[in-house]
Amino acid sequence: MSQLSVDTAHHVITDIKAYHADKKDNQYLQDITKRLKSRLHKQGLIWRNCVADTGYSSGENYAFLEAEELESFIPPHGTYKGGPDGFIYNKTDDHYLCPQGKIIPFKKVFFEGHNNNKKKEYRASKYICLDCPLRSHCLKKSQEKCITITFYKEEYERNNKRVNSKRGRYMKGKRQSTVEPVFGTLTQFMGLRKINTIGIEQANKVMHLSAMAYNLKKYLKFITKTVKSDAKAVGHHVLQLKGLFTLQISQLTRFYVLQANRFIK
């Protein structure tokens, strides 16, 4: 599995590494961020925004990026919900209110699944719901109301607000026009369609060589443009000087002609 980071200004590859494919993309984001931030810092560059696709979404990553003072623009999974429909969350007392005004209190923090996703549980006593007219619809086969949400609800909400903003839509377009073309170039023209090596270290060598070749082509194209721009600027200044000198010579010629006519008279 290849993980790739690209800057949005010039499409330069800033980080590339091979990982084993036994984990999801979002489980590698923190390792990528630490390595990349350190490299950019050594070069005197400041990293402010992290733009990635939904595969890198998780509450842990949102919290981590905030701790690293990076603004995330990572769309959440479609299955994410901030809480059950019709229930009101009381942030001060950390509990939910059901449509009938009953309190669903916070009970515990726990880890779920093989990925150990950190979650919060809110659970009401079964006696609270005994006479509720919505009991059959709300509880179904359960005896008590239980609400499970991500521990990082606030981080999710802040990220979602950024993603759905005007700037977030701009960042989405920026990501699609930045990373995808680079990845396509590497796979189609730089030999990364298939890596025929044994071991993760050898795969890393192939990826780094391909990224170096790509960046060198970018650099040569950039300095060629710079040289042409400089030559064009110099040519422009030469033309300005030529026009200035031509005007001065013309004025001096007229002056000497007038002086000569005076002496002749």
Protein backbone atom coordinates (compact mmCIF):
# COMPACT_ATOMS: atom_id res chain seq x y z
CA MET A 1 0.00 0.00 0.00
CA SER A 2 1.39 3.39 -1.01
CA GLN A 3 0.70 6.54 1.02
CA LEU A 4 1.38 9.80 -0.82
CA SER A 5 1.47 13.46 0.23
CA VAL A 6 1.54 16.32 -2.28
CA ASP A 7 1.70 20.10 -1.83
CA THR A 8 -1.06 22.10 -3.49
CA ALA A 9 1.12 24.92 -4.81
CA HIS A 10 3.37 23.08 -7.29
CA HIS A 11 2.22 19.42 -6.99
CA VAL A 12 5.56 18.40 -5.48
CA ILE A 13 5.63 15.06 -3.67
CA THR A 14 6.46 15.83 -0.05
CA ASP A 15 6.18 12.31 1.35
CA ILE A 16 5.80 8.77 0.07
CA LYS A 17 6.05 5.45 1.86
CA ALA A 18 5.05 1.83 1.43
CA TYR A 19 2.92 0.24 4.15
CA HIS A 20 1.52 -3.21 4.69
CA ALA A 21 -2.07 -3.51 3.49
CA ASP A 22 -3.39 -5.01 6.72
CA LYS A 23 -4.71 -1.68 8.02
CA LYS A 24 -6.98 1.09 6.83
CA ASP A 25 -5.77 4.43 5.45
CA ASN A 26 -6.89 6.32 8.55
CA GLN A 27 -4.59 4.19 10.74
CA TYR A 28 -1.53 5.55 8.92
CA LEU A 29 -2.40 9.24 8.94
CA GLN A 30 -0.75 10.06 12.27
CA ASP A 31 2.54 8.41 11.27
CA ILE A 32 2.51 10.30 7.95
CA THR A 33 1.74 13.60 9.68
CA LYS A 34 4.56 13.32 12.22
CA ARG A 35 7.14 12.44 9.58
CA LEU A 36 5.99 15.08 7.10
CA LYS A 37 5.66 17.89 9.63
CA SER A 38 9.21 17.28 10.87
CA ARG A 39 10.58 17.32 7.32
CA LEU A 40 8.80 20.54 6.39
CA HIS A 41 9.91 22.20 9.65
CA LYS A 42 13.56 21.45 8.85
CA GLN A 43 13.09 23.23 5.51
CA GLY A 44 11.53 26.26 7.21
CA LEU A 45 8.08 25.52 5.79
CA ILE A 46 4.85 25.89 7.76
CA TRP A 47 2.07 23.32 7.31
CA ARG A 48 -1.42 24.57 8.17
CA ASN A 49 -4.07 22.46 6.37
CA CYS A 50 -4.48 18.71 6.00
CA VAL A 51 -6.70 17.77 3.05
CA ALA A 52 -7.54 14.09 2.51
CA ASP A 53 -10.34 11.84 1.33
CA THR A 54 -12.91 10.00 3.44
CA GLY A 55 -10.64 6.99 3.90
CA TYR A 56 -8.56 8.99 6.39
CA SER A 57 -11.57 10.01 8.48
CA SER A 58 -11.72 9.12 12.17
CA GLY A 59 -12.33 10.93 15.43
CA GLU A 60 -8.85 10.02 16.64
CA ASN A 61 -7.33 11.65 13.55
CA TYR A 62 -9.40 14.81 13.93
CA ALA A 63 -8.29 15.15 17.55
CA PHE A 64 -4.67 14.41 16.64
CA LEU A 65 -4.60 17.02 13.86
CA GLU A 66 -6.09 19.64 16.18
CA ALA A 67 -3.37 18.84 18.74
CA GLU A 68 -0.80 19.34 15.96
CA GLU A 69 -2.41 22.73 15.15
CA LEU A 70 -3.50 21.54 11.70
CA GLU A 71 -6.91 22.27 10.21
CA SER A 72 -8.46 19.11 8.80
CA PHE A 73 -10.59 19.04 5.67
CA ILE A 74 -11.47 15.33 5.68
CA PRO A 75 -15.07 14.33 4.86
CA PRO A 76 -16.58 11.93 7.45
CA HIS A 77 -17.90 8.50 6.61
CA GLY A 78 -21.50 8.39 5.43
CA THR A 79 -22.41 6.30 8.46
CA TYR A 80 -21.45 9.06 10.90
CA LYS A 81 -24.25 10.59 12.99
CA GLY A 82 -23.82 13.11 15.75
CA GLY A 83 -26.58 11.47 17.79
CA PRO A 84 -30.03 9.87 17.52
CA ASP A 85 -32.75 11.75 15.67
CA GLY A 86 -35.20 13.58 17.91
CA PHE A 87 -32.92 13.53 20.96
CA ILE A 88 -31.41 16.77 22.33
CA TYR A 89 -27.88 16.78 23.73
CA ASN A 90 -27.16 18.80 26.87
CA LYS A 91 -23.45 19.62 26.73
CA THR A 92 -23.31 21.16 30.23
CA ASP A 93 -24.63 18.09 32.04
CA ASP A 94 -23.52 15.61 29.38
CA HIS A 95 -26.80 13.82 28.83
CA TYR A 96 -29.52 13.42 26.18
CA LEU A 97 -33.20 14.37 26.41
CA CYS A 98 -35.63 12.06 24.64
CA PRO A 99 -38.69 13.42 22.73
CA GLN A 100 -40.74 12.83 25.91
CA GLY A 101 -38.36 14.92 28.05
CA LYS A 102 -36.72 11.99 29.86
CA ILE A 103 -33.00 12.15 30.66
CA ILE A 104 -30.64 9.58 29.13
CA PRO A 105 -27.52 9.93 31.34
CA PHE A 106 -23.88 9.26 30.44
CA LYS A 107 -22.65 5.87 31.68
CA LYS A 108 -19.17 5.03 30.44
CA VAL A 109 -16.37 5.32 27.89
CA PHE A 110 -15.42 2.10 26.12
CA PHE A 111 -13.51 0.77 23.12
CA GLU A 112 -15.40 -1.02 20.34
CA GLY A 113 -14.38 -3.39 17.58
CA HIS A 114 -11.02 -4.68 16.44
CA ASN A 115 -9.93 -1.09 15.73
CA ASN A 116 -10.61 -0.10 19.36
CA ASN A 117 -12.76 2.88 18.42
CA LYS A 118 -13.25 5.08 21.47
CA LYS A 119 -16.94 5.66 22.22
CA LYS A 120 -19.32 7.01 24.86
CA GLU A 121 -22.42 5.25 26.11
CA TYR A 122 -25.61 6.86 27.41
CA ARG A 123 -28.15 4.52 28.98
CA ALA A 124 -31.52 5.04 30.72
CA SER A 125 -33.08 2.75 33.27
CA LYS A 126 -35.79 0.49 31.86
CA TYR A 127 -38.27 1.87 34.43
CA ILE A 128 -38.13 5.32 32.81
CA CYS A 129 -39.54 3.95 29.57
CA LEU A 130 -42.26 1.68 30.97
CA ASP A 131 -45.21 3.99 30.30
CA CYS A 132 -43.75 5.83 27.29
CA PRO A 133 -46.13 5.98 24.27
CA LEU A 134 -43.11 5.76 21.95
CA ARG A 135 -41.68 2.68 23.66
CA SER A 136 -42.35 0.17 20.88
CA HIS A 137 -40.96 2.46 18.20
CA CYS A 138 -38.00 3.75 20.23
CA LEU A 139 -36.80 0.60 22.01
CA LYS A 140 -38.00 -2.07 19.57
CA LYS A 141 -36.88 -5.34 21.23
CA SER A 142 -34.65 -3.73 23.85
CA GLN A 143 -35.71 -3.14 27.46
CA GLU A 144 -33.87 0.19 27.93
CA LYS A 145 -32.70 3.08 25.79
CA CYS A 146 -28.99 2.97 24.98
CA ILE A 147 -27.18 5.61 22.87
CA THR A 148 -23.66 5.01 21.60
CA ILE A 149 -21.70 7.83 19.96
CA THR A 150 -18.08 8.54 19.15
CA PHE A 151 -15.94 9.98 21.92
CA TYR A 152 -14.77 12.65 19.46
CA LYS A 153 -18.16 14.17 18.64
CA GLU A 154 -16.93 17.77 19.04
CA GLU A 155 -13.91 17.17 16.80
CA TYR A 156 -16.22 15.63 14.19
CA GLU A 157 -18.53 18.65 14.33
CA ARG A 158 -15.69 21.16 13.92
CA ASN A 159 -14.25 19.22 10.99
CA ASN A 160 -17.68 18.85 9.34
CA LYS A 161 -18.27 22.57 9.66
CA ARG A 162 -15.02 23.26 7.81
CA VAL A 163 -15.73 20.61 5.15
CA ASN A 164 -19.22 22.00 4.41
CA SER A 165 -18.05 25.62 4.26
CA LYS A 166 -17.19 27.50 1.08
CA ARG A 167 -13.50 27.03 1.83
CA GLY A 168 -14.10 23.32 2.41
CA ARG A 169 -15.64 22.93 -1.05
CA TYR A 170 -12.64 24.73 -2.49
CA MET A 171 -10.31 22.36 -0.62
CA LYS A 172 -12.18 19.35 -1.99
CA GLY A 173 -11.64 20.54 -5.55
CA LYS A 174 -8.02 21.30 -4.71
CA ARG A 175 -7.47 17.76 -3.44
CA GLN A 176 -9.03 16.18 -6.51
CA SER A 177 -6.87 18.30 -8.83
CA THR A 178 -3.67 17.79 -6.81
CA VAL A 179 -3.21 14.24 -5.53
CA GLU A 180 -5.10 12.29 -8.19
CA PRO A 181 -3.06 13.55 -11.19
CA VAL A 182 0.21 12.91 -9.33
CA PHE A 183 -0.86 9.40 -8.37
CA GLY A 184 -1.95 8.76 -11.96
CA THR A 185 1.43 9.93 -13.29
CA LEU A 186 3.31 7.67 -10.87
CA THR A 187 1.29 4.60 -11.77
CA GLN A 188 1.11 5.21 -15.53
CA PHE A 189 4.54 6.66 -16.32
CA MET A 190 6.83 6.14 -13.31
CA GLY A 191 6.59 2.39 -12.86
CA LEU A 192 4.35 2.23 -9.80
CA ARG A 193 1.51 0.33 -11.43
CA LYS A 194 3.05 -2.85 -10.02
CA ILE A 195 6.10 -3.20 -7.77
CA ASN A 196 7.98 -6.43 -8.40
CA THR A 197 10.12 -6.53 -5.27
CA ILE A 198 10.27 -8.67 -2.15
CA GLY A 199 9.84 -6.96 1.19
CA ILE A 200 8.63 -3.57 2.37
CA GLU A 201 12.12 -2.01 2.32
CA GLN A 202 12.64 -2.78 -1.36
CA ALA A 203 9.17 -1.45 -2.18
CA ASN A 204 10.06 1.77 -0.36
CA LYS A 205 13.21 2.15 -2.50
CA VAL A 206 11.16 1.84 -5.69
CA MET A 207 8.61 4.41 -4.47
CA HIS A 208 11.27 6.89 -3.38
CA LEU A 209 13.13 6.61 -6.70
CA SER A 210 9.89 7.18 -8.62
CA ALA A 211 9.04 10.19 -6.44
CA MET A 212 12.56 11.62 -6.91
CA ALA A 213 12.25 11.28 -10.69
CA TYR A 214 8.85 12.96 -10.62
CA ASN A 215 10.09 15.86 -8.46
CA LEU A 216 13.20 16.34 -10.62
CA LYS A 217 11.00 16.68 -13.72
CA LYS A 218 8.89 19.22 -11.83
CA TYR A 219 12.02 21.13 -10.79
CA LEU A 220 13.49 21.21 -14.31
CA LYS A 221 10.19 22.43 -15.71
CA PHE A 222 10.00 25.08 -12.99
CA ILE A 223 13.52 26.48 -13.54
CA THR A 224 12.98 26.46 -17.32
CA LYS A 225 9.92 28.64 -16.82
CA THR A 226 11.92 30.86 -14.46
CA VAL A 227 14.73 31.29 -17.00
CA LYS A 228 12.25 32.13 -19.75
CA SER A 229 10.50 34.57 -17.46
CA ASP A 230 13.81 36.18 -16.53
CA ALA A 231 14.86 36.38 -20.19
CA LYS A 232 11.52 37.92 -21.09
CA ALA A 233 11.88 40.44 -18.28
CA VAL A 234 15.42 41.32 -19.38
CA GLY A 235 14.24 41.70 -22.96
CA HIS A 236 11.47 44.00 -21.80
CA HIS A 237 13.97 46.17 -19.88
CA VAL A 238 16.30 46.26 -22.90
CA LEU A 239 13.47 47.47 -25.09
CA GLN A 240 12.60 50.14 -22.51
CA LEU A 241 16.24 51.30 -22.40
CA LYS A 242 16.46 51.25 -26.17
CA GLY A 243 13.34 53.37 -26.43
CA LEU A 244 14.70 55.79 -23.82
CA PHE A 245 18.09 56.13 -25.50
CA THR A 246 16.48 56.48 -28.93
CA LEU A 247 14.38 59.35 -27.62
CA GLN A 248 17.40 61.02 -26.02
CA ILE A 249 19.50 60.59 -29.19
CA SER A 250 16.66 62.00 -31.27
CA GLN A 251 16.41 65.03 -28.97
CA LEU A 252 20.19 65.58 -29.06
CA THR A 253 20.21 65.30 -32.86
CA ARG A 254 17.49 67.94 -33.16
CA PHE A 255 19.42 70.17 -30.75
CA TYR A 256 22.64 69.97 -32.77
CA VAL A 257 20.76 70.53 -36.04
CA LEU A 258 19.17 73.69 -34.60
CA GLN A 259 22.55 74.89 -33.34
CA ALA A 260 24.13 74.24 -36.70
CA ASN A 261 21.37 76.18 -38.48
CA ARG A 262 21.97 79.13 -36.16
CA PHE A 263 25.68 79.24 -37.01
CA ILE A 264 24.95 78.99 -40.72
CA LYS A 265 22.63 81.95 -40.51
